[in-house]
Amino acid sequence: MTDIFDWTGAPGARFDDPASWYDATLDAPATQAPGPDDIAVFGPGDWTATAGGQVGTLLIEEGASVTLAGTGAERFLAGSLTEATGSSLQLEDALLFVNAGLTIGRDAVLDIGGAASFEAFPGSPLGPFSVAAGTLALLGPGDGAGGGSVVLGANNIEIGLFQNGNSGIGNEFAPASGFSGSGQVIAGTFDQPNVRIFDPDHMRASAPADLAGLDFGTLHVGDPAVVHFSLINLSGNGGYSAKGAVQTLVNGGNVTDPALAGSGVTPQNFGIAPRGGIVAFEVTLDTTAALLLQDQAVHLGYEFMRFQFDVGTTLPITGAVLNYADPGFELVSGPGALAQDGAHWTLDLGSLAQGSDPGTVVLAVRNLAAAPADDLSGRFEVAGDAAAVEGAEPFAGLAAGDGLVALGFRLDTTVAGPHAETITLYPVGSNASGFEGALPVVTLTVTDQVVAEGRPEHGGHHRGHGHGHADRPHGHHAAGCAAWNGAPAGVRRPEA
């Protein structure tokens, strides 16, 4: 039979003394103290009970402020304990053991800062504790009241299952919310949650070291981009499920680049079954535009982890999406009109008087790609009779937007008629990742019409210059032409 007992004891009265209780079931002064099958109730008021004792259910009602006191060894035991809204329970030099659920209501406080401390056995990995409970539940804010709280002081509380209504989902996940003090919340098992992080595409789940970050590497616009990571719980067979959250804006998590998507960067809670349980996540990167990932990271927060409470791991997210190098030409000085049609460029010098000296025409080769992009390298091949071509040396390392004075044309107007010169560029793109790839061949055709004095423009005899090749090893910029007079901003002179 379960009886209900109301506390009526004077300050400092013994918990195990029948004179401290009123038997509400019999509606009479108690003839015995409440026992393991009974319900003990502290109503509104300030109360202090001493000496320890055991009851089935201990209720601290709204408006009650209760102190359970001892001299360092006393134990208060209950099958379950509930603190109602606005109540408080304080331990002074005593221990509290709750076999099942310890519930702390809204605006209620459990203060164990002055409690005694107990160790299951010397050197126990769980360490000393002042309160042990099968389940600890803190009710969260609601109905105009704040959530329940625990004042730890320097003492620890050992629990089995844990429910914290102050802790939310994803970025709001905060297992320690509502706790204060330097003490610890300890999972009451030797088979602690033991979460390891691994890359399921490239690592074994039992790899000796955790995955340290999520790296997409160096990609190009349009490349597929996805990385995976998994969490495995390597607790013992009797271990606990691991609980945690993916966090993107707190605790070092910072996922602000809209190109990132997927479950691995979506704030959410997760649970991992004991001994081999796995949860898997995916992160994708939008490569429709060039970009550099900067200061991006995801945080994985855990409720309990290897004898620690409210800890986590932050994984940096790195990667680059580059434009391919885009070779082109720029008229630096001299006559003529430069035009582009895809991979073919034309420099039309127009009509030139026979015997005239139009000066040297200077062209730069430019990496037209917008940053971030591959560097541009290349070599030239020259054929035709329009001009004597100077420079045309292999070059390398031309960054996005940069130009290099590479070609000089000395026009020969001694022979009337149309003339043409073709310069073929064999371009290569490369970047710091080790990528190197040939790009589509680019051609430049230089044309002119030399007109004899006093004669109309018409076709004439072609000069027989033949053609020459400029095919030298990569890594050297073009040699200079003595007649070149300078270059616009962003175009560098060739090295001597």
Protein backbone atom coordinates (compact mmCIF):
# COMPACT_ATOMS: atom_id res chain seq x y z
CA MET A 1 0.00 0.00 0.00
CA THR A 2 1.25 3.48 -0.89
CA ASP A 3 0.68 6.24 1.62
CA ILE A 4 1.12 9.96 1.08
CA PHE A 5 3.07 11.88 3.72
CA ASP A 6 3.27 15.67 4.11
CA TRP A 7 6.32 17.22 5.77
CA THR A 8 5.51 19.09 9.00
CA GLY A 9 8.89 18.91 10.72
CA ALA A 10 10.58 21.81 12.42
CA PRO A 11 13.74 23.26 10.85
CA GLY A 12 16.46 20.61 11.06
CA ALA A 13 14.07 17.77 11.91
CA ARG A 14 15.07 14.28 10.88
CA PHE A 15 13.76 12.98 7.57
CA ASP A 16 13.40 9.47 9.04
CA ASP A 17 11.48 10.58 12.14
CA PRO A 18 7.68 9.86 12.06
CA ALA A 19 7.14 13.04 14.09
CA SER A 20 8.27 15.06 11.06
CA TRP A 21 5.38 13.84 8.91
CA TYR A 22 1.61 13.91 8.62
CA ASP A 23 -0.01 10.83 7.04
CA ALA A 24 -2.37 12.36 4.49
CA THR A 25 -3.74 8.95 3.52
CA LEU A 26 -4.92 8.30 7.08
CA ASP A 27 -5.50 12.01 7.75
CA ALA A 28 -3.56 11.68 10.97
CA PRO A 29 -0.13 12.30 12.43
CA ALA A 30 2.26 9.73 11.03
CA THR A 31 3.16 6.73 13.14
CA GLN A 32 6.05 5.86 10.85
CA ALA A 33 8.28 7.73 8.43
CA PRO A 34 7.54 7.34 4.70
CA GLY A 35 9.27 4.29 3.16
CA PRO A 36 10.35 2.96 -0.25
CA ASP A 37 6.72 2.50 -1.39
CA ASP A 38 5.40 5.85 -0.19
CA ILE A 39 5.08 9.39 -1.49
CA ALA A 40 6.73 12.17 0.50
CA VAL A 41 5.63 15.75 -0.14
CA PHE A 42 7.18 19.10 0.76
CA GLY A 43 4.50 21.79 0.41
CA PRO A 44 4.96 25.56 0.09
CA GLY A 45 7.36 27.01 2.63
CA ASP A 46 10.99 26.88 3.71
CA TRP A 47 12.03 23.48 5.03
CA THR A 48 15.20 21.76 6.23
CA ALA A 49 15.40 17.99 6.70
CA THR A 50 18.36 16.05 8.04
CA ALA A 51 19.69 12.54 8.66
CA GLY A 52 18.76 10.94 5.34
CA GLY A 53 16.07 8.44 4.44
CA GLN A 54 14.38 6.56 1.60
CA VAL A 55 11.03 7.08 -0.10
CA GLY A 56 9.32 5.87 -3.26
CA THR A 57 8.49 9.34 -4.62
CA LEU A 58 9.68 12.72 -3.40
CA LEU A 59 7.66 15.75 -4.47
CA ILE A 60 8.80 19.36 -4.01
CA GLU A 61 5.68 21.43 -4.63
CA GLU A 62 5.44 24.90 -6.15
CA GLY A 63 6.47 27.48 -3.61
CA ALA A 64 8.56 25.03 -1.59
CA SER A 65 12.21 25.69 -0.74
CA VAL A 66 13.79 22.53 0.66
CA THR A 67 17.23 21.86 2.09
CA LEU A 68 18.37 18.27 2.60
CA ALA A 69 21.27 18.47 5.05
CA GLY A 70 23.76 16.10 6.58
CA THR A 71 27.24 15.86 7.96
CA GLY A 72 28.93 14.43 4.85
CA ALA A 73 27.76 10.81 4.68
CA GLU A 74 23.95 11.02 4.81
CA ARG A 75 22.05 9.77 1.79
CA PHE A 76 18.60 10.75 0.64
CA LEU A 77 17.14 8.08 -1.65
CA ALA A 78 14.03 8.18 -3.83
CA GLY A 79 12.57 6.08 -6.59
CA SER A 80 11.68 9.36 -8.36
CA LEU A 81 11.89 13.05 -7.51
CA THR A 82 10.01 15.96 -9.02
CA GLU A 83 10.54 19.65 -8.42
CA ALA A 84 7.46 21.65 -9.38
CA THR A 85 7.52 25.05 -11.07
CA GLY A 86 9.37 27.65 -9.04
CA SER A 87 10.54 25.27 -6.31
CA SER A 88 14.08 24.77 -5.07
CA LEU A 89 16.04 21.87 -3.61
CA GLN A 90 19.43 22.37 -1.99
CA LEU A 91 21.89 19.77 -0.71
CA GLU A 92 24.18 20.61 2.19
CA ASP A 93 26.82 18.01 3.12
CA ALA A 94 24.50 15.23 1.94
CA LEU A 95 24.10 12.92 -1.08
CA LEU A 96 21.07 12.32 -3.28
CA PHE A 97 20.30 9.10 -5.17
CA VAL A 98 17.26 8.91 -7.47
CA ASN A 99 16.69 5.48 -8.96
CA ALA A 100 14.44 6.53 -11.84
CA GLY A 101 13.54 10.08 -12.89
CA LEU A 102 14.76 13.35 -11.41
CA THR A 103 12.63 16.11 -12.94
CA ILE A 104 13.36 19.80 -12.49
CA GLY A 105 10.37 21.96 -13.41
CA ARG A 106 10.25 25.40 -14.97
CA ASP A 107 12.00 28.06 -12.91
CA ALA A 108 12.94 25.32 -10.44
CA VAL A 109 16.49 24.99 -9.10
CA LEU A 110 18.54 22.03 -7.92
CA ASP A 111 21.55 23.37 -6.00
CA ILE A 112 24.28 20.83 -5.22
CA GLY A 113 27.12 23.32 -4.76
CA GLY A 114 27.32 22.53 -1.02
CA ALA A 115 26.65 18.81 -1.28
CA ALA A 116 28.87 16.01 -0.08
CA SER A 117 30.81 13.97 -2.65
CA PHE A 118 30.99 10.21 -3.20
CA GLU A 119 33.16 7.91 -5.35
CA ALA A 120 31.93 4.45 -6.31
CA PHE A 121 35.43 3.07 -5.78
CA PRO A 122 38.89 4.62 -5.61
CA GLY A 123 40.04 5.64 -9.06
CA SER A 124 36.63 5.16 -10.71
CA PRO A 125 36.72 6.61 -14.25
CA LEU A 126 33.39 8.25 -13.50
CA GLY A 127 35.02 10.24 -10.71
CA PRO A 128 33.26 11.52 -7.58
CA PHE A 129 29.66 12.73 -7.66
CA SER A 130 27.05 14.25 -5.35
CA VAL A 131 23.84 13.23 -7.12
CA ALA A 132 23.04 10.10 -9.13
CA ALA A 133 19.85 9.71 -11.15
CA GLY A 134 18.57 7.17 -13.66
CA THR A 135 17.15 10.01 -15.76
CA LEU A 136 17.63 13.75 -15.39
CA ALA A 137 15.00 15.92 -17.06
CA LEU A 138 15.08 19.72 -17.11
CA LEU A 139 11.82 21.20 -18.33
CA GLY A 140 12.34 23.98 -20.84
CA PRO A 141 10.87 27.47 -20.89
CA GLY A 142 7.13 27.81 -21.35
CA ASP A 143 3.95 29.36 -20.00
CA GLY A 144 5.83 32.51 -19.08
CA ALA A 145 8.43 30.66 -17.02
CA GLY A 146 12.08 29.88 -17.65
CA GLY A 147 13.59 26.44 -17.82
CA GLY A 148 14.79 24.36 -14.91
CA SER A 149 18.38 24.81 -13.73
CA VAL A 150 21.12 23.02 -11.82
CA VAL A 151 23.77 24.77 -9.71
CA LEU A 152 26.71 22.38 -9.73
CA GLY A 153 29.30 24.44 -7.93
CA ALA A 154 32.40 22.25 -7.98
CA ASN A 155 30.40 19.01 -7.66
CA ASN A 156 29.36 16.45 -10.24
CA ILE A 157 26.07 14.82 -11.07
CA GLU A 158 25.92 11.32 -12.55
CA ILE A 159 22.97 10.44 -14.75
CA GLY A 160 21.75 7.71 -17.04
CA LEU A 161 19.43 9.24 -19.60
CA PHE A 162 19.31 12.98 -20.09
CA GLN A 163 16.58 15.30 -21.32
CA ASN A 164 17.26 19.03 -21.31
CA GLY A 165 14.33 21.14 -22.42
CA ASN A 166 16.61 24.18 -22.44
CA SER A 167 18.52 22.61 -25.32
CA GLY A 168 17.08 22.91 -28.80
CA ILE A 169 17.71 21.59 -32.29
CA GLY A 170 20.67 22.24 -34.57
CA ASN A 171 22.25 25.58 -33.72
CA GLU A 172 20.10 25.72 -30.56
CA PHE A 173 21.49 22.39 -29.30
CA ALA A 174 23.10 23.21 -25.94
CA PRO A 175 23.27 20.29 -23.49
CA ALA A 176 24.82 22.45 -20.76
CA SER A 177 22.13 25.13 -20.96
CA GLY A 178 20.67 25.59 -17.48
CA PHE A 179 23.81 24.33 -15.70
CA SER A 180 26.27 26.54 -13.85
CA GLY A 181 29.49 25.93 -11.96
CA SER A 182 32.71 24.08 -12.63
CA GLY A 183 31.30 20.64 -11.87
CA GLN A 184 30.53 18.07 -14.54
CA VAL A 185 27.54 16.12 -15.78
CA ILE A 186 28.69 12.49 -16.04
CA ALA A 187 27.10 9.70 -18.06
CA GLY A 188 26.73 6.87 -15.56
CA THR A 189 28.28 4.07 -17.59
CA PHE A 190 31.74 2.72 -18.25
CA ASP A 191 30.64 2.13 -21.88
CA GLN A 192 30.73 5.81 -22.80
CA PRO A 193 29.59 7.13 -26.18
CA ASN A 194 32.71 7.17 -28.35
CA VAL A 195 32.08 8.94 -31.64
CA ARG A 196 34.65 8.81 -34.42
CA ILE A 197 34.48 10.83 -37.66
CA PHE A 198 35.56 9.26 -40.93
CA ASP A 199 35.34 9.71 -44.68
CA PRO A 200 33.37 6.68 -45.94
CA ASP A 201 34.77 7.16 -49.45
CA HIS A 202 38.46 7.06 -48.49
CA MET A 203 38.82 5.83 -44.88
CA ARG A 204 38.03 2.83 -42.74
CA ALA A 205 35.59 3.46 -39.89
CA SER A 206 38.28 2.18 -37.54
CA ALA A 207 40.96 4.55 -38.86
CA PRO A 208 43.41 5.58 -36.13
CA ALA A 209 42.72 9.30 -36.57
CA ASP A 210 39.49 11.22 -37.02
CA LEU A 211 38.72 13.09 -40.21
CA ALA A 212 40.16 16.57 -39.66
CA GLY A 213 38.23 18.55 -42.27
CA LEU A 214 36.10 18.54 -45.42
CA ASP A 215 38.16 19.43 -48.48
CA PHE A 216 36.68 19.66 -51.98
CA GLY A 217 40.15 20.26 -53.41
CA THR A 218 40.67 22.44 -56.47
CA LEU A 219 37.89 22.17 -59.04
CA HIS A 220 36.84 23.91 -62.24
CA VAL A 221 33.54 25.55 -63.05
CA GLY A 222 31.02 22.86 -63.87
CA ASP A 223 32.80 20.01 -62.09
CA PRO A 224 30.72 17.74 -59.81
CA ALA A 225 31.53 18.43 -56.15
CA VAL A 226 30.41 16.33 -53.19
CA VAL A 227 32.10 15.13 -50.00
CA HIS A 228 30.82 12.69 -47.39
CA PHE A 229 31.50 12.15 -43.72
CA SER A 230 30.12 9.62 -41.29
CA LEU A 231 29.97 9.29 -37.51
CA ILE A 232 30.34 5.90 -35.84
CA ASN A 233 29.70 5.17 -32.17
CA LEU A 234 32.39 2.80 -30.90
CA SER A 235 30.96 2.46 -27.38
CA GLY A 236 30.94 -0.94 -25.70
CA ASN A 237 28.08 -3.41 -26.11
CA GLY A 238 26.30 -1.95 -23.10
CA GLY A 239 27.06 1.60 -24.16
CA TYR A 240 24.77 4.54 -24.62
CA SER A 241 23.43 6.01 -27.79
CA ALA A 242 25.38 9.11 -28.76
CA LYS A 243 23.35 12.29 -29.17
CA GLY A 244 24.46 15.44 -30.86
CA ALA A 245 23.83 18.10 -33.47
CA VAL A 246 25.14 19.57 -36.70
CA GLN A 247 25.81 23.25 -36.02
CA THR A 248 26.53 25.88 -38.65
CA LEU A 249 26.51 29.21 -36.81
CA VAL A 250 27.71 28.48 -33.26
CA ASN A 251 30.64 26.85 -31.44
CA GLY A 252 32.99 27.42 -34.36
CA GLY A 253 30.49 26.38 -37.02
CA ASN A 254 30.29 28.96 -39.81
CA VAL A 255 28.44 27.91 -42.95
CA THR A 256 27.63 31.18 -44.71
CA ASP A 257 28.54 30.48 -48.34
CA PRO A 258 25.32 29.76 -50.28
CA ALA A 259 27.24 27.40 -52.57
CA LEU A 260 27.34 24.84 -49.74
CA ALA A 261 24.37 22.52 -49.26
CA GLY A 262 23.45 19.07 -48.02
CA SER A 263 22.71 17.27 -44.77
CA GLY A 264 26.23 17.87 -43.46
CA VAL A 265 25.70 21.64 -43.39
CA THR A 266 22.03 21.62 -42.38
CA PRO A 267 21.45 22.34 -38.67
CA GLN A 268 19.86 19.25 -37.10
CA ASN A 269 20.10 16.83 -34.20
CA PHE A 270 21.23 13.23 -34.56
CA GLY A 271 21.41 10.03 -32.54
CA ILE A 272 23.87 7.18 -33.05
CA ALA A 273 23.09 3.69 -31.78
CA PRO A 274 25.66 2.00 -29.49
CA ARG A 275 28.51 -0.20 -30.65
CA GLY A 276 28.80 0.32 -34.39
CA GLY A 277 25.88 2.66 -35.03
CA ILE A 278 26.54 5.03 -37.93
CA VAL A 279 25.00 8.22 -39.26
CA ALA A 280 26.09 9.57 -42.64
CA PHE A 281 26.15 13.10 -44.01
CA GLU A 282 26.75 14.71 -47.40
CA VAL A 283 27.97 18.17 -48.41
CA THR A 284 27.71 19.49 -51.96
CA LEU A 285 29.32 22.52 -53.55
CA ASP A 286 27.69 24.52 -56.34
CA THR A 287 30.33 24.95 -59.06
CA THR A 288 28.33 27.04 -61.54
CA ALA A 289 30.59 30.00 -60.73
CA ALA A 290 34.22 30.33 -59.67
CA LEU A 291 34.77 30.80 -55.95
CA LEU A 292 37.14 30.28 -53.04
CA LEU A 293 35.67 28.86 -49.83
CA GLN A 294 36.81 31.09 -46.98
CA ASP A 295 36.31 30.64 -43.21
CA GLN A 296 33.70 27.91 -43.65
CA ALA A 297 33.29 25.20 -41.01
CA VAL A 298 30.72 22.85 -39.50
CA HIS A 299 30.61 21.97 -35.81
CA LEU A 300 29.51 18.59 -34.50
CA GLY A 301 28.31 18.93 -30.91
CA TYR A 302 27.87 15.94 -28.59
CA GLU A 303 25.86 15.52 -25.41
CA PHE A 304 28.29 12.99 -23.92
CA MET A 305 31.60 11.94 -25.40
CA ARG A 306 34.29 9.80 -23.74
CA PHE A 307 33.54 10.87 -20.15
CA GLN A 308 33.02 14.49 -21.19
CA PHE A 309 29.84 16.53 -21.36
CA ASP A 310 28.84 19.08 -23.98
CA VAL A 311 31.88 18.78 -26.22
CA GLY A 312 32.32 18.74 -29.97
CA THR A 313 34.52 18.87 -33.04
CA THR A 314 34.78 21.58 -35.69
CA LEU A 315 35.54 20.55 -39.27
CA PRO A 316 36.90 23.26 -41.60
CA ILE A 317 35.37 23.21 -45.09
CA THR A 318 37.85 24.11 -47.80
CA GLY A 319 38.00 24.14 -51.57
CA ALA A 320 38.30 26.27 -54.70
CA VAL A 321 36.35 26.44 -57.95
CA LEU A 322 38.47 28.00 -60.71
CA ASN A 323 37.77 29.30 -64.16
CA TYR A 324 39.88 27.74 -66.88
CA ALA A 325 42.58 30.03 -68.25
CA ASP A 326 41.35 32.01 -71.27
CA PRO A 327 44.09 33.07 -73.72
CA GLY A 328 43.73 36.21 -75.82
CA PHE A 329 45.61 39.12 -77.35
CA GLU A 330 45.78 42.86 -76.78
CA LEU A 331 47.13 45.57 -79.12
CA VAL A 332 49.71 47.46 -77.07
CA SER A 333 51.01 49.90 -79.68
CA GLY A 334 51.12 50.47 -83.43
CA PRO A 335 48.49 50.64 -86.19
CA GLY A 336 45.74 48.14 -86.88
CA ALA A 337 42.42 46.81 -85.60
CA LEU A 338 42.34 43.69 -83.42
CA ALA A 339 39.22 41.50 -83.53
CA GLN A 340 38.22 38.17 -81.96
CA ASP A 341 36.03 35.41 -83.31
CA GLY A 342 36.10 32.54 -80.83
CA ALA A 343 39.58 31.02 -80.82
CA HIS A 344 40.63 33.03 -83.88
CA TRP A 345 41.97 36.57 -83.70
CA THR A 346 42.62 38.96 -86.59
CA LEU A 347 44.90 42.01 -86.64
CA ASP A 348 44.07 44.05 -89.75
CA LEU A 349 46.76 46.63 -90.47
CA GLY A 350 44.78 48.11 -93.35
CA SER A 351 46.45 49.81 -96.31
CA LEU A 352 50.08 50.84 -96.09
CA ALA A 353 51.97 52.99 -98.58
CA GLN A 354 54.77 51.18 -100.32
CA GLY A 355 58.09 52.13 -98.76
CA SER A 356 56.49 53.70 -95.69
CA ASP A 357 57.58 52.97 -92.12
CA PRO A 358 54.47 52.38 -89.96
CA GLY A 359 56.64 51.42 -86.97
CA THR A 360 56.58 48.28 -84.87
CA VAL A 361 53.26 46.71 -83.93
CA VAL A 362 53.34 45.33 -80.38
CA LEU A 363 50.88 42.73 -79.05
CA ALA A 364 50.46 41.28 -75.57
CA VAL A 365 49.11 37.86 -74.73
CA ARG A 366 46.64 38.05 -71.87
CA ASN A 367 44.86 35.61 -69.56
CA LEU A 368 41.33 36.86 -70.04
CA ALA A 369 39.83 34.61 -67.36
CA ALA A 370 38.23 36.24 -64.33
CA ALA A 371 39.80 35.34 -61.00
CA PRO A 372 39.97 32.88 -59.44
CA ALA A 373 41.33 31.00 -62.43
CA ASP A 374 44.14 28.81 -63.70
CA ASP A 375 47.44 30.35 -64.72
CA LEU A 376 48.20 30.51 -68.44
CA SER A 377 51.30 29.16 -70.16
CA GLY A 378 51.97 28.61 -73.84
CA ARG A 379 54.22 28.53 -76.87
CA PHE A 380 53.97 30.15 -80.32
CA GLU A 381 54.35 28.99 -83.90
CA VAL A 382 54.79 31.60 -86.66
CA ALA A 383 54.11 31.32 -90.41
CA GLY A 384 53.61 33.90 -93.17
CA ASP A 385 55.05 36.94 -94.97
CA ALA A 386 53.36 40.00 -93.47
CA ALA A 387 56.12 40.97 -91.08
CA ALA A 388 59.25 39.98 -89.27
CA VAL A 389 58.01 38.65 -85.91
CA GLU A 390 60.07 39.28 -82.81
CA GLY A 391 59.51 37.68 -79.40
CA ALA A 392 57.11 34.75 -79.67
CA GLU A 393 58.95 32.92 -76.89
CA PRO A 394 57.34 30.36 -74.58
CA PHE A 395 55.87 31.86 -71.42
CA ALA A 396 54.40 30.56 -68.15
CA GLY A 397 52.60 31.65 -64.99
CA LEU A 398 50.28 34.30 -66.40
CA ALA A 399 47.65 34.84 -63.70
CA ALA A 400 44.02 35.72 -64.32
CA GLY A 401 43.72 39.19 -65.83
CA ASP A 402 47.46 39.58 -66.37
CA GLY A 403 49.15 40.28 -69.69
CA LEU A 404 52.64 39.83 -71.11
CA VAL A 405 54.16 41.78 -74.01
CA ALA A 406 54.98 38.83 -76.23
CA LEU A 407 54.92 39.74 -79.96
CA GLY A 408 56.48 42.49 -82.04
CA PHE A 409 55.89 42.92 -85.81
CA ARG A 410 58.31 44.89 -88.04
CA LEU A 411 56.36 45.54 -91.20
CA ASP A 412 58.06 45.29 -94.60
CA THR A 413 56.39 47.61 -97.10
CA THR A 414 58.87 47.20 -99.92
CA VAL A 415 56.65 44.87 -101.94
CA ALA A 416 53.18 45.99 -102.96
CA GLY A 417 50.20 43.70 -102.48
CA PRO A 418 48.36 41.80 -99.74
CA HIS A 419 50.37 40.02 -97.06
CA ALA A 420 49.45 37.70 -94.15
CA GLU A 421 51.14 36.25 -91.11
CA THR A 422 49.69 33.52 -88.86
CA ILE A 423 50.73 33.08 -85.24
CA THR A 424 49.48 29.94 -83.53
CA LEU A 425 49.35 29.83 -79.73
CA TYR A 426 49.33 26.44 -78.00
CA PRO A 427 48.01 27.40 -74.55
CA VAL A 428 48.10 25.37 -71.32
CA GLY A 429 46.24 26.03 -68.05
CA SER A 430 47.62 25.03 -64.66
CA ASN A 431 47.14 25.68 -60.96
CA ALA A 432 48.79 24.99 -57.61
CA SER A 433 46.94 21.69 -57.14
CA GLY A 434 49.12 20.11 -59.83
CA PHE A 435 46.51 20.35 -62.56
CA GLU A 436 47.87 21.02 -66.04
CA GLY A 437 45.75 20.78 -69.16
CA ALA A 438 45.99 21.85 -72.79
CA LEU A 439 43.48 24.45 -73.94
CA PRO A 440 42.04 24.89 -77.43
CA VAL A 441 44.60 26.24 -79.91
CA VAL A 442 44.35 29.98 -80.57
CA THR A 443 45.33 31.59 -83.89
CA LEU A 444 46.19 35.17 -84.76
CA THR A 445 46.20 36.30 -88.39
CA VAL A 446 47.97 39.58 -89.23
CA THR A 447 47.03 41.09 -92.61
CA ASP A 448 47.98 44.22 -94.58
CA GLN A 449 47.67 45.68 -98.06
CA VAL A 450 50.80 47.49 -99.32
CA VAL A 451 49.84 49.99 -102.01
CA ALA A 452 52.31 51.24 -104.62
CA GLU A 453 52.51 55.03 -104.84
CA GLY A 454 50.16 56.38 -107.45
CA ARG A 455 48.47 53.01 -107.99
CA PRO A 456 45.09 51.78 -106.82
CA GLU A 457 44.93 49.03 -104.15
CA HIS A 458 45.00 45.57 -105.69
CA GLY A 459 46.64 42.27 -105.23
CA GLY A 460 50.37 42.07 -105.75
CA HIS A 461 53.30 39.80 -105.36
CA HIS A 462 53.83 38.03 -102.04
CA ARG A 463 57.11 38.09 -100.28
CA GLY A 464 58.86 34.85 -99.79
CA HIS A 465 59.67 35.01 -96.08
CA GLY A 466 58.53 31.48 -95.55
CA HIS A 467 57.75 30.63 -91.94
CA GLY A 468 59.59 30.11 -88.69
CA HIS A 469 58.87 28.34 -85.41
CA ALA A 470 59.27 29.60 -81.87
CA ASP A 471 59.01 26.44 -79.81
CA ARG A 472 61.18 26.64 -76.72
CA PRO A 473 60.87 25.05 -73.25
CA HIS A 474 58.14 26.38 -70.94
CA GLY A 475 58.93 28.59 -67.99
CA HIS A 476 60.63 31.56 -69.75
CA HIS A 477 58.93 34.80 -70.70
CA ALA A 478 59.44 36.20 -74.18
CA ALA A 479 62.69 37.99 -75.02
CA GLY A 480 62.33 41.70 -75.58
CA CYS A 481 62.10 43.60 -78.85
CA ALA A 482 64.33 46.65 -78.90
CA ALA A 483 61.76 48.82 -80.68
CA TRP A 484 58.91 48.23 -78.18
CA ASN A 485 58.10 51.43 -76.38
CA GLY A 486 56.08 50.25 -73.35
CA ALA A 487 52.89 48.52 -72.26
CA PRO A 488 49.58 49.54 -70.71
CA ALA A 489 48.64 48.81 -67.09
CA GLY A 490 48.34 45.12 -66.34
CA VAL A 491 50.73 44.11 -69.09
CA ARG A 492 54.25 43.24 -68.10
CA ARG A 493 57.32 43.46 -70.29
CA PRO A 494 59.02 40.24 -71.25
CA GLU A 495 62.07 39.37 -69.23
CA ALA A 496 65.43 40.00 -70.89
